[in-house]
Amino acid sequence: MNGVKINESRKKLYEEKGYWKSATLLDRWNSSVSQFGDKEFVVDDRGARYTYAQLDEKANALAAYLENSGIGAEDVVSFQITPR
């Protein structure tokens, strides 16, 4: 990651104590999708419901759209949600 500063001695301590593992957030998400794909993960205030697998599919579709639109790694993307 660009611009992220990590204190190497603190990192080593956290790894030795088992606080930090080598798995990334994406690794953890993929494991959850694999284990709980058909289980409900999100319910919004309008009643929409998504399983882990459905949310993963939506996220992948959004990522593909952004990539196909020319958005690349480390590009900044922002969005605004208007009030109801």
PDB file of N, CA and C in Angstrom:
ATOM      1  N   MET A   1       0.839  -1.172   0.000  1.00  0.00           N
ATOM      2  CA  MET A   1       0.000   0.000   0.000  1.00  0.00           C
ATOM      3  C   MET A   1       0.885   1.236   0.000  1.00  0.00           C
ATOM      4  N   ASN A   2       0.464   2.168  -0.729  1.00  0.00           N
ATOM      5  CA  ASN A   2       1.226   3.392  -0.884  1.00  0.00           C
ATOM      6  C   ASN A   2       0.942   4.357   0.276  1.00  0.00           C
ATOM      7  N   GLY A   3       2.006   4.866   0.911  1.00  0.00           N
ATOM      8  CA  GLY A   3       1.845   5.867   1.948  1.00  0.00           C
ATOM      9  C   GLY A   3       1.514   5.341   3.329  1.00  0.00           C
ATOM     10  N   VAL A   4       1.365   4.033   3.501  1.00  0.00           N
ATOM     11  CA  VAL A   4       1.051   3.480   4.810  1.00  0.00           C
ATOM     12  C   VAL A   4       2.354   3.213   5.551  1.00  0.00           C
ATOM     13  N   LYS A   5       2.448   3.758   6.761  1.00  0.00           N
ATOM     14  CA  LYS A   5       3.647   3.562   7.565  1.00  0.00           C
ATOM     15  C   LYS A   5       3.336   2.580   8.682  1.00  0.00           C
ATOM     16  N   ILE A   6       4.162   1.553   8.802  1.00  0.00           N
ATOM     17  CA  ILE A   6       3.975   0.549   9.838  1.00  0.00           C
ATOM     18  C   ILE A   6       5.250   0.475  10.666  1.00  0.00           C
ATOM     19  N   ASN A   7       5.103   0.545  11.972  1.00  0.00           N
ATOM     20  CA  ASN A   7       6.220   0.401  12.885  1.00  0.00           C
ATOM     21  C   ASN A   7       6.609  -1.082  12.890  1.00  0.00           C
ATOM     22  N   GLU A   8       7.766  -1.391  12.329  1.00  0.00           N
ATOM     23  CA  GLU A   8       8.177  -2.792  12.149  1.00  0.00           C
ATOM     24  C   GLU A   8       8.306  -3.542  13.474  1.00  0.00           C
ATOM     25  N   SER A   9       8.820  -2.891  14.528  1.00  0.00           N
ATOM     26  CA  SER A   9       8.952  -3.586  15.814  1.00  0.00           C
ATOM     27  C   SER A   9       7.580  -3.886  16.411  1.00  0.00           C
ATOM     28  N   ARG A  10       6.638  -2.954  16.253  1.00  0.00           N
ATOM     29  CA  ARG A  10       5.278  -3.173  16.751  1.00  0.00           C
ATOM     30  C   ARG A  10       4.606  -4.280  15.938  1.00  0.00           C
ATOM     31  N   LYS A  11       4.821  -4.271  14.629  1.00  0.00           N
ATOM     32  CA  LYS A  11       4.267  -5.315  13.752  1.00  0.00           C
ATOM     33  C   LYS A  11       4.753  -6.690  14.198  1.00  0.00           C
ATOM     34  N   LYS A  12       6.052  -6.796  14.443  1.00  0.00           N
ATOM     35  CA  LYS A  12       6.631  -8.074  14.880  1.00  0.00           C
ATOM     36  C   LYS A  12       6.018  -8.526  16.203  1.00  0.00           C
ATOM     37  N   LEU A  13       5.879  -7.600  17.150  1.00  0.00           N
ATOM     38  CA  LEU A  13       5.271  -7.912  18.443  1.00  0.00           C
ATOM     39  C   LEU A  13       3.841  -8.421  18.258  1.00  0.00           C
ATOM     40  N   TYR A  14       3.058  -7.714  17.439  1.00  0.00           N
ATOM     41  CA  TYR A  14       1.666  -8.109  17.217  1.00  0.00           C
ATOM     42  C   TYR A  14       1.578  -9.482  16.552  1.00  0.00           C
ATOM     43  N   GLU A  15       2.485  -9.753  15.627  1.00  0.00           N
ATOM     44  CA  GLU A  15       2.502 -11.069  14.973  1.00  0.00           C
ATOM     45  C   GLU A  15       2.879 -12.156  15.974  1.00  0.00           C
ATOM     46  N   GLU A  16       3.885 -11.888  16.823  1.00  0.00           N
ATOM     47  CA  GLU A  16       4.310 -12.873  17.829  1.00  0.00           C
ATOM     48  C   GLU A  16       3.197 -13.173  18.827  1.00  0.00           C
ATOM     49  N   LYS A  17       2.444 -12.166  19.204  1.00  0.00           N
ATOM     50  CA  LYS A  17       1.344 -12.351  20.157  1.00  0.00           C
ATOM     51  C   LYS A  17       0.096 -12.935  19.501  1.00  0.00           C
ATOM     52  N   GLY A  18       0.109 -13.022  18.161  1.00  0.00           N
ATOM     53  CA  GLY A  18      -1.027 -13.589  17.449  1.00  0.00           C
ATOM     54  C   GLY A  18      -2.133 -12.602  17.142  1.00  0.00           C
ATOM     55  N   TYR A  19      -1.890 -11.301  17.396  1.00  0.00           N
ATOM     56  CA  TYR A  19      -2.902 -10.297  17.096  1.00  0.00           C
ATOM     57  C   TYR A  19      -3.050 -10.092  15.593  1.00  0.00           C
ATOM     58  N   TRP A  20      -1.943 -10.150  14.887  1.00  0.00           N
ATOM     59  CA  TRP A  20      -1.939  -9.974  13.442  1.00  0.00           C
ATOM     60  C   TRP A  20      -1.595 -11.298  12.779  1.00  0.00           C
ATOM     61  N   LYS A  21      -2.332 -11.623  11.747  1.00  0.00           N
ATOM     62  CA  LYS A  21      -2.077 -12.823  10.947  1.00  0.00           C
ATOM     63  C   LYS A  21      -1.724 -12.380   9.529  1.00  0.00           C
ATOM     64  N   SER A  22      -1.422 -13.319   8.694  1.00  0.00           N
ATOM     65  CA  SER A  22      -1.055 -12.972   7.318  1.00  0.00           C
ATOM     66  C   SER A  22      -2.274 -12.806   6.409  1.00  0.00           C
ATOM     67  N   ALA A  23      -3.445 -13.237   6.883  1.00  0.00           N
ATOM     68  CA  ALA A  23      -4.653 -13.139   6.065  1.00  0.00           C
ATOM     69  C   ALA A  23      -5.058 -11.677   5.893  1.00  0.00           C
ATOM     70  N   THR A  24      -5.436 -11.313   4.670  1.00  0.00           N
ATOM     71  CA  THR A  24      -5.906  -9.962   4.389  1.00  0.00           C
ATOM     72  C   THR A  24      -7.414  -9.877   4.639  1.00  0.00           C
ATOM     73  N   LEU A  25      -7.934  -8.668   4.592  1.00  0.00           N
ATOM     74  CA  LEU A  25      -9.376  -8.478   4.727  1.00  0.00           C
ATOM     75  C   LEU A  25     -10.107  -9.229   3.616  1.00  0.00           C
ATOM     76  N   LEU A  26      -9.555  -9.189   2.403  1.00  0.00           N
ATOM     77  CA  LEU A  26     -10.169  -9.918   1.293  1.00  0.00           C
ATOM     78  C   LEU A  26     -10.132 -11.423   1.541  1.00  0.00           C
ATOM     79  N   ASP A  27      -9.026 -11.929   2.078  1.00  0.00           N
ATOM     80  CA  ASP A  27      -8.944 -13.357   2.424  1.00  0.00           C
ATOM     81  C   ASP A  27     -10.055 -13.724   3.401  1.00  0.00           C
ATOM     82  N   ARG A  28     -10.241 -12.885   4.403  1.00  0.00           N
ATOM     83  CA  ARG A  28     -11.278 -13.144   5.424  1.00  0.00           C
ATOM     84  C   ARG A  28     -12.675 -13.099   4.802  1.00  0.00           C
ATOM     85  N   TRP A  29     -12.911 -12.115   3.930  1.00  0.00           N
ATOM     86  CA  TRP A  29     -14.223 -12.022   3.275  1.00  0.00           C
ATOM     87  C   TRP A  29     -14.486 -13.266   2.430  1.00  0.00           C
ATOM     88  N   ASN A  30     -13.505 -13.651   1.602  1.00  0.00           N
ATOM     89  CA  ASN A  30     -13.681 -14.826   0.744  1.00  0.00           C
ATOM     90  C   ASN A  30     -13.943 -16.082   1.564  1.00  0.00           C
ATOM     91  N   SER A  31     -13.306 -16.191   2.709  1.00  0.00           N
ATOM     92  CA  SER A  31     -13.544 -17.328   3.601  1.00  0.00           C
ATOM     93  C   SER A  31     -14.977 -17.299   4.130  1.00  0.00           C
ATOM     94  N   SER A  32     -15.449 -16.124   4.498  1.00  0.00           N
ATOM     95  CA  SER A  32     -16.828 -15.996   4.985  1.00  0.00           C
ATOM     96  C   SER A  32     -17.837 -16.345   3.898  1.00  0.00           C
ATOM     97  N   VAL A  33     -17.586 -15.881   2.682  1.00  0.00           N
ATOM     98  CA  VAL A  33     -18.487 -16.193   1.562  1.00  0.00           C
ATOM     99  C   VAL A  33     -18.499 -17.697   1.331  1.00  0.00           C
ATOM    100  N   SER A  34     -17.334 -18.292   1.409  1.00  0.00           N
ATOM    101  CA  SER A  34     -17.211 -19.737   1.206  1.00  0.00           C
ATOM    102  C   SER A  34     -17.971 -20.516   2.287  1.00  0.00           C
ATOM    103  N   GLN A  35     -17.821 -20.094   3.519  1.00  0.00           N
ATOM    104  CA  GLN A  35     -18.446 -20.797   4.646  1.00  0.00           C
ATOM    105  C   GLN A  35     -19.932 -20.518   4.785  1.00  0.00           C
ATOM    106  N   PHE A  36     -20.321 -19.262   4.566  1.00  0.00           N
ATOM    107  CA  PHE A  36     -21.687 -18.836   4.891  1.00  0.00           C
ATOM    108  C   PHE A  36     -22.442 -18.271   3.698  1.00  0.00           C
ATOM    109  N   GLY A  37     -22.059 -18.631   2.484  1.00  0.00           N
ATOM    110  CA  GLY A  37     -22.616 -18.047   1.267  1.00  0.00           C
ATOM    111  C   GLY A  37     -24.123 -17.929   1.228  1.00  0.00           C
ATOM    112  N   ASP A  38     -24.820 -18.922   1.725  1.00  0.00           N
ATOM    113  CA  ASP A  38     -26.279 -18.907   1.644  1.00  0.00           C
ATOM    114  C   ASP A  38     -26.944 -18.285   2.869  1.00  0.00           C
ATOM    115  N   LYS A  39     -26.154 -17.830   3.819  1.00  0.00           N
ATOM    116  CA  LYS A  39     -26.712 -17.221   5.024  1.00  0.00           C
ATOM    117  C   LYS A  39     -26.910 -15.721   4.824  1.00  0.00           C
ATOM    118  N   GLU A  40     -27.949 -15.189   5.432  1.00  0.00           N
ATOM    119  CA  GLU A  40     -28.251 -13.774   5.321  1.00  0.00           C
ATOM    120  C   GLU A  40     -27.159 -12.945   5.992  1.00  0.00           C
ATOM    121  N   PHE A  41     -26.734 -11.881   5.318  1.00  0.00           N
ATOM    122  CA  PHE A  41     -25.673 -11.019   5.831  1.00  0.00           C
ATOM    123  C   PHE A  41     -26.143  -9.592   6.063  1.00  0.00           C
ATOM    124  N   VAL A  42     -27.004  -9.076   5.179  1.00  0.00           N
ATOM    125  CA  VAL A  42     -27.463  -7.687   5.271  1.00  0.00           C
ATOM    126  C   VAL A  42     -28.975  -7.623   5.108  1.00  0.00           C
ATOM    127  N   VAL A  43     -29.592  -6.818   5.974  1.00  0.00           N
ATOM    128  CA  VAL A  43     -31.003  -6.476   5.821  1.00  0.00           C
ATOM    129  C   VAL A  43     -31.070  -4.966   5.982  1.00  0.00           C
ATOM    130  N   ASP A  44     -31.607  -4.276   4.972  1.00  0.00           N
ATOM    131  CA  ASP A  44     -31.661  -2.819   5.098  1.00  0.00           C
ATOM    132  C   ASP A  44     -33.017  -2.367   5.634  1.00  0.00           C
ATOM    133  N   ASP A  45     -33.163  -1.068   5.843  1.00  0.00           N
ATOM    134  CA  ASP A  45     -34.384  -0.537   6.444  1.00  0.00           C
ATOM    135  C   ASP A  45     -35.583  -0.549   5.506  1.00  0.00           C
ATOM    136  N   ARG A  46     -35.356  -0.938   4.260  1.00  0.00           N
ATOM    137  CA  ARG A  46     -36.471  -1.056   3.309  1.00  0.00           C
ATOM    138  C   ARG A  46     -36.846  -2.513   3.054  1.00  0.00           C
ATOM    139  N   GLY A  47     -36.195  -3.423   3.767  1.00  0.00           N
ATOM    140  CA  GLY A  47     -36.535  -4.833   3.664  1.00  0.00           C
ATOM    141  C   GLY A  47     -35.717  -5.640   2.667  1.00  0.00           C
ATOM    142  N   ALA A  48     -34.766  -5.005   1.982  1.00  0.00           N
ATOM    143  CA  ALA A  48     -33.912  -5.764   1.062  1.00  0.00           C
ATOM    144  C   ALA A  48     -33.011  -6.686   1.886  1.00  0.00           C
ATOM    145  N   ARG A  49     -32.831  -7.886   1.405  1.00  0.00           N
ATOM    146  CA  ARG A  49     -32.029  -8.883   2.123  1.00  0.00           C
ATOM    147  C   ARG A  49     -30.999  -9.474   1.159  1.00  0.00           C
ATOM    148  N   TYR A  50     -29.791  -9.645   1.663  1.00  0.00           N
ATOM    149  CA  TYR A  50     -28.712 -10.211   0.852  1.00  0.00           C
ATOM    150  C   TYR A  50     -27.946 -11.254   1.647  1.00  0.00           C
ATOM    151  N   THR A  51     -27.658 -12.359   0.989  1.00  0.00           N
ATOM    152  CA  THR A  51     -26.779 -13.359   1.587  1.00  0.00           C
ATOM    153  C   THR A  51     -25.334 -12.928   1.343  1.00  0.00           C
ATOM    154  N   TYR A  52     -24.408 -13.620   1.973  1.00  0.00           N
ATOM    155  CA  TYR A  52     -22.989 -13.355   1.727  1.00  0.00           C
ATOM    156  C   TYR A  52     -22.683 -13.471   0.239  1.00  0.00           C
ATOM    157  N   ALA A  53     -23.174 -14.535  -0.383  1.00  0.00           N
ATOM    158  CA  ALA A  53     -22.886 -14.772  -1.806  1.00  0.00           C
ATOM    159  C   ALA A  53     -23.497 -13.678  -2.689  1.00  0.00           C
ATOM    160  N   GLN A  54     -24.709 -13.258  -2.386  1.00  0.00           N
ATOM    161  CA  GLN A  54     -25.346 -12.205  -3.181  1.00  0.00           C
ATOM    162  C   GLN A  54     -24.600 -10.878  -3.054  1.00  0.00           C
ATOM    163  N   LEU A  55     -24.189 -10.544  -1.840  1.00  0.00           N
ATOM    164  CA  LEU A  55     -23.450  -9.298  -1.641  1.00  0.00           C
ATOM    165  C   LEU A  55     -22.094  -9.361  -2.339  1.00  0.00           C
ATOM    166  N   ASP A  56     -21.454 -10.517  -2.296  1.00  0.00           N
ATOM    167  CA  ASP A  56     -20.170 -10.704  -2.990  1.00  0.00           C
ATOM    168  C   ASP A  56     -20.354 -10.523  -4.496  1.00  0.00           C
ATOM    169  N   GLU A  57     -21.441 -11.066  -5.027  1.00  0.00           N
ATOM    170  CA  GLU A  57     -21.732 -10.928  -6.458  1.00  0.00           C
ATOM    171  C   GLU A  57     -21.949  -9.454  -6.831  1.00  0.00           C
ATOM    172  N   LYS A  58     -22.697  -8.730  -5.996  1.00  0.00           N
ATOM    173  CA  LYS A  58     -22.938  -7.300  -6.253  1.00  0.00           C
ATOM    174  C   LYS A  58     -21.626  -6.513  -6.193  1.00  0.00           C
ATOM    175  N   ALA A  59     -20.793  -6.800  -5.208  1.00  0.00           N
ATOM    176  CA  ALA A  59     -19.507  -6.098  -5.066  1.00  0.00           C
ATOM    177  C   ALA A  59     -18.610  -6.378  -6.269  1.00  0.00           C
ATOM    178  N   ASN A  60     -18.590  -7.616  -6.727  1.00  0.00           N
ATOM    179  CA  ASN A  60     -17.783  -7.966  -7.907  1.00  0.00           C
ATOM    180  C   ASN A  60     -18.300  -7.263  -9.159  1.00  0.00           C
ATOM    181  N   ALA A  61     -19.614  -7.150  -9.288  1.00  0.00           N
ATOM    182  CA  ALA A  61     -20.198  -6.443 -10.439  1.00  0.00           C
ATOM    183  C   ALA A  61     -19.823  -4.967 -10.407  1.00  0.00           C
ATOM    184  N   LEU A  62     -19.862  -4.354  -9.229  1.00  0.00           N
ATOM    185  CA  LEU A  62     -19.471  -2.953  -9.103  1.00  0.00           C
ATOM    186  C   LEU A  62     -17.986  -2.778  -9.421  1.00  0.00           C
ATOM    187  N   ALA A  63     -17.153  -3.669  -8.918  1.00  0.00           N
ATOM    188  CA  ALA A  63     -15.713  -3.596  -9.192  1.00  0.00           C
ATOM    189  C   ALA A  63     -15.440  -3.728 -10.691  1.00  0.00           C
ATOM    190  N   ALA A  64     -16.134  -4.640 -11.348  1.00  0.00           N
ATOM    191  CA  ALA A  64     -15.957  -4.831 -12.791  1.00  0.00           C
ATOM    192  C   ALA A  64     -16.399  -3.579 -13.552  1.00  0.00           C
ATOM    193  N   TYR A  65     -17.512  -2.982 -13.132  1.00  0.00           N
ATOM    194  CA  TYR A  65     -17.988  -1.751 -13.769  1.00  0.00           C
ATOM    195  C   TYR A  65     -16.946  -0.640 -13.641  1.00  0.00           C
ATOM    196  N   LEU A  66     -16.416  -0.458 -12.441  1.00  0.00           N
ATOM    197  CA  LEU A  66     -15.411   0.586 -12.222  1.00  0.00           C
ATOM    198  C   LEU A  66     -14.169   0.324 -13.063  1.00  0.00           C
ATOM    199  N   GLU A  67     -13.732  -0.908 -13.085  1.00  0.00           N
ATOM    200  CA  GLU A  67     -12.545  -1.267 -13.873  1.00  0.00           C
ATOM    201  C   GLU A  67     -12.788  -1.016 -15.361  1.00  0.00           C
ATOM    202  N   ASN A  68     -13.950  -1.424 -15.858  1.00  0.00           N
ATOM    203  CA  ASN A  68     -14.290  -1.218 -17.266  1.00  0.00           C
ATOM    204  C   ASN A  68     -14.465   0.260 -17.612  1.00  0.00           C
ATOM    205  N   SER A  69     -14.705   1.085 -16.591  1.00  0.00           N
ATOM    206  CA  SER A  69     -14.842   2.535 -16.786  1.00  0.00           C
ATOM    207  C   SER A  69     -13.497   3.246 -16.736  1.00  0.00           C
ATOM    208  N   GLY A  70     -12.431   2.472 -16.543  1.00  0.00           N
ATOM    209  CA  GLY A  70     -11.101   3.067 -16.525  1.00  0.00           C
ATOM    210  C   GLY A  70     -10.550   3.377 -15.145  1.00  0.00           C
ATOM    211  N   ILE A  71     -11.301   3.036 -14.102  1.00  0.00           N
ATOM    212  CA  ILE A  71     -10.825   3.249 -12.736  1.00  0.00           C
ATOM    213  C   ILE A  71      -9.790   2.164 -12.433  1.00  0.00           C
ATOM    214  N   GLY A  72      -8.644   2.570 -11.904  1.00  0.00           N
ATOM    215  CA  GLY A  72      -7.578   1.619 -11.620  1.00  0.00           C
ATOM    216  C   GLY A  72      -7.200   1.600 -10.151  1.00  0.00           C
ATOM    217  N   ALA A  73      -6.247   0.735  -9.827  1.00  0.00           N
ATOM    218  CA  ALA A  73      -5.749   0.619  -8.463  1.00  0.00           C
ATOM    219  C   ALA A  73      -5.238   1.978  -7.995  1.00  0.00           C
ATOM    220  N   GLU A  74      -5.574   2.314  -6.785  1.00  0.00           N
ATOM    221  CA  GLU A  74      -5.169   3.558  -6.121  1.00  0.00           C
ATOM    222  C   GLU A  74      -5.868   4.801  -6.650  1.00  0.00           C
ATOM    223  N   ASP A  75      -6.784   4.668  -7.628  1.00  0.00           N
ATOM    224  CA  ASP A  75      -7.613   5.802  -8.018  1.00  0.00           C
ATOM    225  C   ASP A  75      -8.617   6.061  -6.893  1.00  0.00           C
ATOM    226  N   VAL A  76      -8.983   7.300  -6.719  1.00  0.00           N
ATOM    227  CA  VAL A  76      -9.940   7.665  -5.681  1.00  0.00           C
ATOM    228  C   VAL A  76     -11.336   7.704  -6.296  1.00  0.00           C
ATOM    229  N   VAL A  77     -12.278   7.059  -5.620  1.00  0.00           N
ATOM    230  CA  VAL A  77     -13.672   7.055  -6.059  1.00  0.00           C
ATOM    231  C   VAL A  77     -14.504   7.576  -4.885  1.00  0.00           C
ATOM    232  N   SER A  78     -15.357   8.544  -5.154  1.00  0.00           N
ATOM    233  CA  SER A  78     -16.253   9.039  -4.105  1.00  0.00           C
ATOM    234  C   SER A  78     -17.681   8.994  -4.630  1.00  0.00           C
ATOM    235  N   PHE A  79     -18.617   9.012  -3.728  1.00  0.00           N
ATOM    236  CA  PHE A  79     -20.019   9.009  -4.126  1.00  0.00           C
ATOM    237  C   PHE A  79     -20.829   9.763  -3.082  1.00  0.00           C
ATOM    238  N   GLN A  80     -21.995  10.189  -3.475  1.00  0.00           N
ATOM    239  CA  GLN A  80     -22.875  10.917  -2.575  1.00  0.00           C
ATOM    240  C   GLN A  80     -24.229  10.243  -2.592  1.00  0.00           C
ATOM    241  N   ILE A  81     -24.750  10.052  -1.422  1.00  0.00           N
ATOM    242  CA  ILE A  81     -26.081   9.477  -1.293  1.00  0.00           C
ATOM    243  C   ILE A  81     -27.011  10.605  -0.868  1.00  0.00           C
ATOM    244  N   THR A  82     -28.042  10.813  -1.655  1.00  0.00           N
ATOM    245  CA  THR A  82     -28.974  11.889  -1.338  1.00  0.00           C
ATOM    246  C   THR A  82     -29.978  11.431  -0.290  1.00  0.00           C
ATOM    247  N   PRO A  83     -30.490  12.356   0.496  1.00  0.00           N
ATOM    248  CA  PRO A  83     -31.497  11.981   1.508  1.00  0.00           C
ATOM    249  C   PRO A  83     -32.780  11.534   0.833  1.00  0.00           C
ATOM    250  N   ARG A  84     -33.539  10.773   1.516  1.00  0.00           N
ATOM    251  CA  ARG A  84     -34.810  10.282   0.974  1.00  0.00           C
ATOM    252  C   ARG A  84     -35.806  11.374   0.835  1.00  0.00           C
TER     253      ARG A  84
END
